Amino acid sequence: MQKQVRAARFLQAQIFEELTTPVSSAVLDFVEQMVGTANPLGVLFYGSGLRGGIQADTLLDFYVIVRKQSDWPRGRVACLANALLPPNVEYHELRVEGQSLRAKVAILTLAQFRRLTGFSAFDTTVWARFSQPVRLVWQRDAAAAQTLCRCVMRATVTAARWTAFLGPERGPREAFWNALYRQTYQTELRVEKTGRGAGIVARYEDRYKDLLLPCWQIAAVAYEREGEDVRPMISPAQKLREERAWQVRRRLGRPLNILRLIKAAYTFTGGARYAAWKIERHSGIKVPLTPFAEKHPLLAAPPLVWWLWRKGAFRRS
């Protein structure tokens, strides 16, 4: 128990330090404009814009966490859609420091954020994202910051626990994270360059090495060490059970992602074209986007789902 307490304190300190690491003033100005008079709990910044900085074609990635759906300005239909199939995704474009910046913004309630960062979540996208470096770039107050820090910790522990079941039987600590991200990219059906997950781990290698064992301690995953190698002490029956549980998550990945992309048709500016492009990237199927579908994406969605199903978009190759 004492080891778990020490591990939790270590993890909290590490995550809070990451969350509060300064970012570009352009990002902060963008977020201030974007939030405006709304009152979310916080805004989290992640993704390639955080890792690689702002370039001419950078699409910034943010998660806005709210206490309740009505805390973020949008219509009732959008709030309902976010309650049924989170998160909603919006597109924002603002002038900051003399340049035009663009962002993809996802919205979750705190209850959804807590659920989607837990080990029992069937959707892998949220905890996988927040097990990677992230910054808290807007907060309501100190209490909100601590609440969001605990959620990011939860995501990190969830990810580390899955590494014990999806990683090698024995190996260096980074090998477990590499195996995890390889699996999550496949589950999400993200079209990425080969080794993208490994590239993220390599960029923050010391971070991932430092976090794995404390997270295993918090998750009650026993392990042994031999030099630089570690081995999670899990039984064959337990490993088989969790591998089967992962296959359920993998089978759900394609339908969830395509349904979200279709939902994005009415939360994105130019969302129908964006959704068609993303579906083609995810599945290799070119979507016939008619003028009617662009103007009335919700009415066009049901026949499009059926058409995609018949084309095999919901099946893994």
Protein backbone atom coordinates (compact mmCIF):
# COMPACT_ATOMS: atom_id res chain seq x y z
CA MET A 1 0.00 0.00 0.00
CA GLN A 2 2.82 2.42 0.85
CA LYS A 3 4.42 1.72 -2.52
CA GLN A 4 1.15 2.57 -4.24
CA VAL A 5 0.85 5.82 -2.29
CA ARG A 6 4.42 6.84 -3.16
CA ALA A 7 3.83 5.88 -6.78
CA ALA A 8 0.63 7.96 -6.90
CA ARG A 9 2.42 10.98 -5.43
CA PHE A 10 5.23 10.60 -7.96
CA LEU A 11 2.79 10.31 -10.85
CA GLN A 12 0.77 13.31 -9.68
CA ALA A 13 3.88 15.46 -9.46
CA GLN A 14 5.04 14.38 -12.92
CA ILE A 15 1.67 14.92 -14.60
CA PHE A 16 1.04 18.26 -12.91
CA GLU A 17 4.48 19.48 -13.98
CA GLU A 18 3.68 18.49 -17.57
CA LEU A 19 0.27 20.13 -17.49
CA THR A 20 1.70 23.43 -16.25
CA THR A 21 4.73 23.58 -18.58
CA PRO A 22 4.47 26.87 -20.53
CA VAL A 23 3.36 26.85 -24.19
CA SER A 24 3.48 29.38 -27.00
CA SER A 25 1.75 32.70 -26.33
CA ALA A 26 -0.06 32.24 -29.65
CA VAL A 27 -1.72 29.09 -28.29
CA LEU A 28 -2.79 30.87 -25.11
CA ASP A 29 -4.19 33.83 -27.08
CA PHE A 30 -6.07 31.45 -29.38
CA VAL A 31 -7.63 29.67 -26.42
CA GLU A 32 -8.63 32.91 -24.70
CA GLN A 33 -10.45 34.03 -27.84
CA MET A 34 -12.02 30.63 -28.34
CA VAL A 35 -13.33 30.36 -24.77
CA GLY A 36 -14.67 33.90 -24.77
CA THR A 37 -17.47 34.20 -22.21
CA ALA A 38 -17.91 30.44 -21.80
CA ASN A 39 -16.98 28.83 -18.51
CA PRO A 40 -15.49 25.35 -18.99
CA LEU A 41 -13.49 23.59 -16.33
CA GLY A 42 -10.41 23.63 -18.53
CA VAL A 43 -8.87 23.34 -21.97
CA LEU A 44 -6.23 20.68 -22.69
CA PHE A 45 -3.75 21.02 -25.54
CA TYR A 46 -2.20 17.92 -27.11
CA GLY A 47 -1.08 16.40 -30.40
CA SER A 48 1.33 17.36 -33.16
CA GLY A 49 0.97 21.09 -32.50
CA LEU A 50 2.31 20.53 -28.99
CA ARG A 51 5.05 18.15 -30.06
CA GLY A 52 6.26 19.96 -33.17
CA GLY A 53 5.25 23.58 -32.70
CA ILE A 54 3.04 25.75 -34.89
CA GLN A 55 3.71 25.60 -38.63
CA ALA A 56 1.79 27.17 -41.51
CA ASP A 57 -0.42 24.10 -41.93
CA THR A 58 -0.70 23.09 -38.25
CA LEU A 59 -4.12 22.08 -36.99
CA LEU A 60 -4.08 22.60 -33.23
CA ASP A 61 -5.78 19.98 -31.05
CA PHE A 62 -7.75 20.87 -27.93
CA TYR A 63 -10.12 19.13 -25.56
CA VAL A 64 -12.58 21.38 -23.73
CA ILE A 65 -13.84 19.83 -20.48
CA VAL A 66 -17.13 21.18 -19.11
CA ARG A 67 -19.17 20.45 -16.00
CA LYS A 68 -22.39 20.12 -18.03
CA GLN A 69 -23.23 20.19 -21.73
CA SER A 70 -24.74 23.68 -21.60
CA ASP A 71 -21.45 25.17 -20.36
CA TRP A 72 -20.19 25.32 -23.97
CA PRO A 73 -22.09 27.50 -26.48
CA ARG A 74 -23.91 25.38 -29.11
CA GLY A 75 -27.39 24.23 -30.00
CA ARG A 76 -29.52 21.65 -28.21
CA VAL A 77 -29.05 19.07 -30.96
CA ALA A 78 -25.26 19.33 -30.65
CA CYS A 79 -25.51 18.94 -26.87
CA LEU A 80 -27.68 15.85 -27.30
CA ALA A 81 -25.27 14.38 -29.85
CA ASN A 82 -22.39 14.95 -27.48
CA ALA A 83 -24.28 13.22 -24.68
CA LEU A 84 -25.03 10.19 -26.89
CA LEU A 85 -21.74 9.79 -28.77
CA PRO A 86 -18.94 11.87 -27.26
CA PRO A 87 -16.98 13.83 -28.06
CA ASN A 88 -18.40 16.49 -30.34
CA VAL A 89 -15.72 18.04 -32.53
CA GLU A 90 -15.71 21.63 -33.73
CA TYR A 91 -13.50 23.62 -36.08
CA HIS A 92 -12.23 27.04 -35.02
CA GLU A 93 -10.19 29.54 -37.05
CA LEU A 94 -8.97 32.76 -35.44
CA ARG A 95 -6.48 35.55 -36.08
CA VAL A 96 -3.68 35.50 -33.52
CA GLU A 97 -0.58 37.68 -33.59
CA GLY A 98 -1.16 38.57 -37.22
CA GLN A 99 -1.62 35.01 -38.45
CA SER A 100 -4.56 32.70 -39.00
CA LEU A 101 -4.57 29.67 -36.72
CA ARG A 102 -6.88 26.68 -36.99
CA ALA A 103 -7.92 24.14 -34.38
CA LYS A 104 -9.89 20.96 -33.96
CA VAL A 105 -11.74 21.18 -30.66
CA ALA A 106 -13.36 18.23 -28.87
CA ILE A 107 -15.86 18.73 -26.05
CA LEU A 108 -16.45 16.37 -23.12
CA THR A 109 -18.20 16.71 -19.80
CA LEU A 110 -16.15 15.88 -16.74
CA ALA A 111 -18.23 12.74 -16.18
CA GLN A 112 -17.51 11.59 -19.74
CA PHE A 113 -13.81 12.41 -19.33
CA ARG A 114 -13.62 10.33 -16.17
CA ARG A 115 -15.42 7.39 -17.78
CA LEU A 116 -13.39 7.45 -21.00
CA THR A 117 -10.06 7.50 -19.15
CA GLY A 118 -10.91 4.37 -17.15
CA PHE A 119 -9.73 0.83 -17.80
CA SER A 120 -13.25 -0.44 -18.46
CA ALA A 121 -13.89 2.07 -21.28
CA PHE A 122 -14.62 0.38 -24.61
CA ASP A 123 -13.48 3.47 -26.51
CA THR A 124 -9.67 3.66 -26.43
CA THR A 125 -9.21 7.10 -27.99
CA VAL A 126 -9.40 9.37 -24.94
CA TRP A 127 -7.17 7.50 -22.53
CA ALA A 128 -4.65 6.81 -25.30
CA ARG A 129 -4.40 10.51 -26.14
CA PHE A 130 -4.06 11.62 -22.54
CA SER A 131 -1.41 9.06 -21.68
CA GLN A 132 0.77 11.19 -23.97
CA PRO A 133 2.16 14.61 -23.01
CA VAL A 134 -0.55 17.25 -22.64
CA ARG A 135 -0.80 20.84 -21.41
CA LEU A 136 -3.54 22.57 -19.44
CA VAL A 137 -3.79 25.89 -21.29
CA TRP A 138 -6.94 27.27 -19.63
CA GLN A 139 -8.50 26.51 -16.26
CA ARG A 140 -11.48 27.77 -14.32
CA ASP A 141 -9.61 27.68 -11.03
CA ALA A 142 -7.08 25.67 -9.02
CA ALA A 143 -9.67 23.07 -8.02
CA ALA A 144 -10.55 22.45 -11.67
CA ALA A 145 -6.86 22.07 -12.49
CA GLN A 146 -6.45 19.40 -9.81
CA THR A 147 -9.56 17.58 -11.02
CA LEU A 148 -8.28 17.47 -14.61
CA CYS A 149 -4.84 16.40 -13.39
CA ARG A 150 -6.44 13.38 -11.72
CA CYS A 151 -8.20 12.48 -14.98
CA VAL A 152 -4.93 12.65 -16.92
CA MET A 153 -3.31 10.48 -14.25
CA ARG A 154 -6.18 8.01 -14.64
CA ALA A 155 -5.61 7.90 -18.42
CA THR A 156 -1.90 7.26 -17.92
CA VAL A 157 -2.48 4.44 -15.45
CA THR A 158 -5.09 2.89 -17.76
CA ALA A 159 -2.64 2.97 -20.66
CA ALA A 160 0.18 1.52 -18.57
CA ARG A 161 -2.06 -1.27 -17.31
CA TRP A 162 -2.93 -2.23 -20.89
CA THR A 163 0.78 -2.35 -21.75
CA ALA A 164 1.14 -5.29 -19.36
CA PHE A 165 -1.34 -7.32 -21.43
CA LEU A 166 -0.52 -6.08 -24.93
CA GLY A 167 3.24 -5.73 -24.61
CA PRO A 168 6.03 -8.34 -24.73
CA GLU A 169 6.39 -11.01 -22.09
CA ARG A 170 9.66 -9.36 -21.10
CA GLY A 171 11.52 -6.35 -22.43
CA PRO A 172 12.72 -2.78 -21.92
CA ARG A 173 10.10 -0.38 -20.58
CA GLU A 174 9.74 1.56 -23.82
CA ALA A 175 8.87 -1.67 -25.67
CA PHE A 176 5.65 -1.94 -23.67
CA TRP A 177 4.56 1.60 -24.63
CA ASN A 178 5.50 1.00 -28.27
CA ALA A 179 3.34 -2.13 -28.33
CA LEU A 180 0.44 -0.27 -26.76
CA TYR A 181 0.44 2.65 -29.21
CA ARG A 182 0.81 0.28 -32.14
CA GLN A 183 -2.37 -1.42 -30.97
CA THR A 184 -4.29 1.78 -30.26
CA TYR A 185 -3.46 3.26 -33.67
CA GLN A 186 -4.76 0.08 -35.29
CA THR A 187 -7.89 0.15 -33.15
CA GLU A 188 -8.60 3.78 -34.01
CA LEU A 189 -7.79 3.10 -37.67
CA ARG A 190 -5.70 6.24 -37.83
CA VAL A 191 -3.76 6.61 -41.05
CA GLU A 192 -0.28 7.33 -39.77
CA LYS A 193 3.23 6.77 -40.94
CA THR A 194 4.70 3.42 -39.92
CA GLY A 195 6.14 3.65 -36.43
CA ARG A 196 4.26 6.82 -35.46
CA GLY A 197 3.61 5.51 -31.95
CA ALA A 198 7.25 4.49 -31.58
CA GLY A 199 8.24 7.99 -32.67
CA ILE A 200 6.19 9.52 -29.86
CA VAL A 201 7.77 7.19 -27.30
CA ALA A 202 11.27 7.87 -28.64
CA ARG A 203 10.70 11.63 -28.39
CA TYR A 204 9.81 11.32 -24.69
CA GLU A 205 11.74 8.14 -23.90
CA ASP A 206 12.82 9.11 -20.38
CA ARG A 207 9.25 10.13 -19.53
CA TYR A 208 7.79 6.81 -20.59
CA LYS A 209 10.52 4.85 -18.83
CA ASP A 210 9.95 6.79 -15.61
CA LEU A 211 6.16 6.39 -15.64
CA LEU A 212 5.69 2.71 -16.45
CA LEU A 213 6.59 1.03 -13.16
CA PRO A 214 4.88 3.58 -10.86
CA CYS A 215 1.74 3.17 -12.97
CA TRP A 216 1.98 -0.61 -12.68
CA GLN A 217 2.28 -0.21 -8.91
CA ILE A 218 -0.84 1.97 -8.81
CA ALA A 219 -2.70 -0.54 -10.99
CA ALA A 220 -1.54 -3.45 -8.79
CA VAL A 221 0.40 -5.07 -11.63
CA ALA A 222 3.25 -7.05 -10.06
CA TYR A 223 6.53 -7.15 -11.97
CA GLU A 224 10.13 -8.23 -11.77
CA ARG A 225 13.24 -6.51 -13.10
CA GLU A 226 16.36 -7.94 -14.73
CA GLY A 227 18.72 -5.14 -15.61
CA GLU A 228 16.92 -2.86 -18.09
CA ASP A 229 14.21 -5.43 -18.78
CA VAL A 230 10.96 -5.81 -16.87
CA ARG A 231 8.34 -8.55 -16.84
CA PRO A 232 4.75 -8.11 -15.65
CA MET A 233 3.78 -10.98 -13.35
CA ILE A 234 0.43 -11.91 -14.87
CA SER A 235 -1.02 -15.37 -15.27
CA PRO A 236 -1.70 -16.88 -18.71
CA ALA A 237 -5.42 -16.92 -17.89
CA GLN A 238 -5.42 -13.23 -16.99
CA LYS A 239 -3.47 -12.30 -20.11
CA LEU A 240 -5.85 -14.29 -22.31
CA ARG A 241 -8.88 -12.69 -20.67
CA GLU A 242 -7.60 -9.15 -21.23
CA GLU A 243 -6.45 -9.91 -24.78
CA ARG A 244 -10.00 -11.01 -25.55
CA ALA A 245 -11.31 -7.84 -23.94
CA TRP A 246 -8.99 -5.84 -26.19
CA GLN A 247 -10.35 -7.60 -29.28
CA VAL A 248 -13.81 -6.32 -28.35
CA ARG A 249 -12.41 -2.78 -28.26
CA ARG A 250 -10.66 -3.33 -31.56
CA ARG A 251 -13.84 -4.52 -33.27
CA LEU A 252 -15.69 -1.44 -32.01
CA GLY A 253 -13.01 0.95 -33.26
CA ARG A 254 -14.12 1.26 -36.88
CA PRO A 255 -17.88 1.76 -36.26
CA LEU A 256 -17.25 4.31 -33.49
CA ASN A 257 -14.82 6.34 -35.57
CA ILE A 258 -16.98 6.37 -38.69
CA LEU A 259 -20.09 7.30 -36.72
CA ARG A 260 -18.21 10.17 -35.10
CA LEU A 261 -17.02 11.35 -38.49
CA ILE A 262 -20.58 11.39 -39.78
CA LYS A 263 -21.66 13.27 -36.65
CA ALA A 264 -18.85 15.75 -37.35
CA ALA A 265 -20.70 16.72 -40.53
CA TYR A 266 -22.86 19.08 -38.49
CA THR A 267 -20.37 20.16 -35.80
CA PHE A 268 -17.57 21.13 -38.20
CA THR A 269 -17.53 24.15 -40.48
CA GLY A 270 -17.39 22.46 -43.87
CA GLY A 271 -17.90 19.29 -41.87
CA ALA A 272 -19.43 17.17 -44.65
CA ARG A 273 -16.32 17.55 -46.80
CA TYR A 274 -14.07 16.98 -43.80
CA ALA A 275 -15.98 13.84 -42.80
CA ALA A 276 -15.86 12.45 -46.37
CA TRP A 277 -12.12 13.04 -46.53
CA LYS A 278 -11.51 11.40 -43.15
CA ILE A 279 -13.70 8.38 -43.98
CA GLU A 280 -11.68 7.87 -47.16
CA ARG A 281 -8.44 8.12 -45.16
CA HIS A 282 -9.68 5.65 -42.56
CA SER A 283 -11.28 3.09 -44.86
CA GLY A 284 -9.91 3.73 -48.36
CA ILE A 285 -13.48 4.21 -49.60
CA LYS A 286 -14.20 7.39 -51.55
CA VAL A 287 -17.48 8.90 -50.38
CA PRO A 288 -19.75 10.33 -53.13
CA LEU A 289 -20.54 13.73 -51.62
CA THR A 290 -23.57 15.25 -53.32
CA PRO A 291 -24.72 18.89 -52.97
CA PHE A 292 -27.69 17.58 -50.96
CA ALA A 293 -25.35 15.77 -48.54
CA GLU A 294 -23.28 18.93 -48.06
CA LYS A 295 -26.36 21.01 -47.34
CA HIS A 296 -28.26 18.40 -45.28
CA PRO A 297 -25.63 16.08 -43.70
CA LEU A 298 -28.00 14.67 -41.08
CA LEU A 299 -30.64 13.66 -43.62
CA ALA A 300 -27.96 12.14 -45.83
CA ALA A 301 -26.28 10.23 -42.99
CA PRO A 302 -28.54 7.11 -42.69
CA PRO A 303 -28.26 6.02 -46.35
CA LEU A 304 -24.56 6.87 -46.23
CA VAL A 305 -24.04 4.58 -43.21
CA TRP A 306 -25.82 1.76 -45.06
CA TRP A 307 -23.78 2.39 -48.21
CA LEU A 308 -20.54 2.35 -46.22
CA TRP A 309 -21.59 -0.87 -44.47
CA ARG A 310 -22.19 -2.59 -47.81
CA LYS A 311 -18.84 -1.34 -49.08
CA GLY A 312 -17.13 -2.95 -46.07
CA ALA A 313 -16.14 0.23 -44.25
CA PHE A 314 -17.11 -1.29 -40.90
CA ARG A 315 -15.05 -4.44 -41.43
CA ARG A 316 -11.34 -4.82 -40.80
CA SER A 317 -9.23 -6.15 -43.64
